[in-house]
């Protein structure tokens, strides 16, 4: 093996090592990105569930008030109209 071939072989080996290092960094970044993305959605879903849990009494009271008002309006419909 002459000097030129040896230099090319060493250059190819160093490029392969550099590529391997870059690929490992890319893989690590992809893993971290996936984990952070999953955490992001878990936080959003958790906030939604917690909001519903804490707002449930107010939602229930609002529904009860709506049902009561609706019942009263329905009872007004049953009153005969003396102006007909």
C-alpha atoms as a PDB file:
ATOM      1  CA  UNK A   1       0.000   0.000   0.000  1.00  0.00           C
ATOM      2  CA  UNK A   2       1.542   3.246  -1.057  1.00  0.00           C
ATOM      3  CA  UNK A   3       1.404   6.588   0.727  1.00  0.00           C
ATOM      4  CA  UNK A   4      -1.556   7.943  -1.277  1.00  0.00           C
ATOM      5  CA  UNK A   5      -3.764   4.915  -0.675  1.00  0.00           C
ATOM      6  CA  UNK A   6      -2.969   4.989   3.025  1.00  0.00           C
ATOM      7  CA  UNK A   7      -3.890   8.681   3.256  1.00  0.00           C
ATOM      8  CA  UNK A   8      -7.187   8.044   1.470  1.00  0.00           C
ATOM      9  CA  UNK A   9      -7.942   5.115   3.780  1.00  0.00           C
ATOM     10  CA  UNK A  10      -7.209   7.191   6.886  1.00  0.00           C
ATOM     11  CA  UNK A  11      -9.356  10.040   5.543  1.00  0.00           C
ATOM     12  CA  UNK A  12     -12.211   7.620   4.871  1.00  0.00           C
ATOM     13  CA  UNK A  13     -11.878   6.197   8.390  1.00  0.00           C
ATOM     14  CA  UNK A  14     -11.925   9.652   9.975  1.00  0.00           C
ATOM     15  CA  UNK A  15     -14.943  10.648   7.888  1.00  0.00           C
ATOM     16  CA  UNK A  16     -16.725   7.456   8.944  1.00  0.00           C
ATOM     17  CA  UNK A  17     -15.997   8.214  12.610  1.00  0.00           C
ATOM     18  CA  UNK A  18     -17.252  11.772  12.202  1.00  0.00           C
ATOM     19  CA  UNK A  19     -20.415  10.561  10.433  1.00  0.00           C
ATOM     20  CA  UNK A  20     -21.003   8.010  13.192  1.00  0.00           C
ATOM     21  CA  UNK A  21     -20.662  10.742  15.823  1.00  0.00           C
ATOM     22  CA  UNK A  22     -23.114  12.990  13.964  1.00  0.00           C
ATOM     23  CA  UNK A  23     -25.602  10.134  13.507  1.00  0.00           C
ATOM     24  CA  UNK A  24     -25.482   9.315  17.229  1.00  0.00           C
ATOM     25  CA  UNK A  25     -26.167  12.975  18.054  1.00  0.00           C
ATOM     26  CA  UNK A  26     -29.092  13.022  15.621  1.00  0.00           C
ATOM     27  CA  UNK A  27     -30.532   9.854  17.151  1.00  0.00           C
ATOM     28  CA  UNK A  28     -30.161  11.274  20.655  1.00  0.00           C
ATOM     29  CA  UNK A  29     -31.855  14.510  19.589  1.00  0.00           C
ATOM     30  CA  UNK A  30     -34.708  12.555  18.007  1.00  0.00           C
ATOM     31  CA  UNK A  31     -35.238  10.548  21.214  1.00  0.00           C
ATOM     32  CA  UNK A  32     -35.206  13.664  23.358  1.00  0.00           C
ATOM     33  CA  UNK A  33     -37.627  15.312  20.944  1.00  0.00           C
ATOM     34  CA  UNK A  34     -40.034  12.382  21.120  1.00  0.00           C
ATOM     35  CA  UNK A  35     -39.930  12.360  24.920  1.00  0.00           C
ATOM     36  CA  UNK A  36     -40.490  16.108  25.119  1.00  0.00           C
ATOM     37  CA  UNK A  37     -43.330  15.887  22.596  1.00  0.00           C
ATOM     38  CA  UNK A  38     -44.997  13.145  24.651  1.00  0.00           C
ATOM     39  CA  UNK A  39     -44.552  15.184  27.835  1.00  0.00           C
ATOM     40  CA  UNK A  40     -46.030  18.212  26.065  1.00  0.00           C
ATOM     41  CA  UNK A  41     -49.211  16.296  25.214  1.00  0.00           C
ATOM     42  CA  UNK A  42     -49.383  14.707  28.665  1.00  0.00           C
ATOM     43  CA  UNK A  43     -49.258  18.182  30.214  1.00  0.00           C
ATOM     44  CA  UNK A  44     -51.978  19.465  27.885  1.00  0.00           C
ATOM     45  CA  UNK A  45     -54.221  16.466  28.582  1.00  0.00           C
ATOM     46  CA  UNK A  46     -53.485  16.721  32.309  1.00  0.00           C
ATOM     47  CA  UNK A  47     -54.423  20.404  32.353  1.00  0.00           C
ATOM     48  CA  UNK A  48     -57.666  19.641  30.520  1.00  0.00           C
ATOM     49  CA  UNK A  49     -58.599  16.859  32.949  1.00  0.00           C
ATOM     50  CA  UNK A  50     -57.638  18.938  35.986  1.00  0.00           C
ATOM     51  CA  UNK A  51     -59.617  21.906  34.657  1.00  0.00           C
ATOM     52  CA  UNK A  52     -62.685  19.753  34.220  1.00  0.00           C
ATOM     53  CA  UNK A  53     -62.207  18.275  37.702  1.00  0.00           C
ATOM     54  CA  UNK A  54     -61.969  21.696  39.336  1.00  0.00           C
ATOM     55  CA  UNK A  55     -64.680  23.300  37.195  1.00  0.00           C
ATOM     56  CA  UNK A  56     -67.128  20.407  37.471  1.00  0.00           C
ATOM     57  CA  UNK A  57     -69.099  21.865  40.449  1.00  0.00           C
ATOM     58  CA  UNK A  58     -69.579  25.156  38.589  1.00  0.00           C
ATOM     59  CA  UNK A  59     -70.586  23.360  35.409  1.00  0.00           C
ATOM     60  CA  UNK A  60     -73.049  21.242  37.361  1.00  0.00           C
ATOM     61  CA  UNK A  61     -74.593  24.329  39.034  1.00  0.00           C
ATOM     62  CA  UNK A  62     -74.873  26.048  35.666  1.00  0.00           C
ATOM     63  CA  UNK A  63     -76.602  22.993  34.184  1.00  0.00           C
ATOM     64  CA  UNK A  64     -79.011  22.869  37.127  1.00  0.00           C
ATOM     65  CA  UNK A  65     -79.825  26.576  36.727  1.00  0.00           C
ATOM     66  CA  UNK A  66     -80.368  26.073  33.008  1.00  0.00           C
ATOM     67  CA  UNK A  67     -82.659  23.102  33.612  1.00  0.00           C
ATOM     68  CA  UNK A  68     -84.636  25.068  36.191  1.00  0.00           C
ATOM     69  CA  UNK A  69     -85.024  28.055  33.846  1.00  0.00           C
ATOM     70  CA  UNK A  70     -86.054  25.739  31.046  1.00  0.00           C
ATOM     71  CA  UNK A  71     -88.661  24.109  33.281  1.00  0.00           C
ATOM     72  CA  UNK A  72     -90.054  27.486  34.230  1.00  0.00           C
ATOM     73  CA  UNK A  73     -90.257  28.535  30.584  1.00  0.00           C
ATOM     74  CA  UNK A  74     -92.043  25.285  29.753  1.00  0.00           C
ATOM     75  CA  UNK A  75     -94.543  25.949  32.555  1.00  0.00           C
ATOM     76  CA  UNK A  76     -95.191  29.421  31.099  1.00  0.00           C
ATOM     77  CA  UNK A  77     -96.140  27.818  27.804  1.00  0.00           C
ATOM     78  CA  UNK A  78     -98.937  25.923  29.552  1.00  0.00           C
ATOM     79  CA  UNK A  79    -100.603  29.113  30.852  1.00  0.00           C
ATOM     80  CA  UNK A  80    -103.627  29.943  28.741  1.00  0.00           C
ATOM     81  CA  UNK A  81    -103.425  33.185  26.822  1.00  0.00           C
ATOM     82  CA  UNK A  82    -106.410  35.419  27.723  1.00  0.00           C
ATOM     83  CA  UNK A  83    -105.775  37.718  24.775  1.00  0.00           C
ATOM     84  CA  UNK A  84    -106.594  35.208  22.068  1.00  0.00           C
END
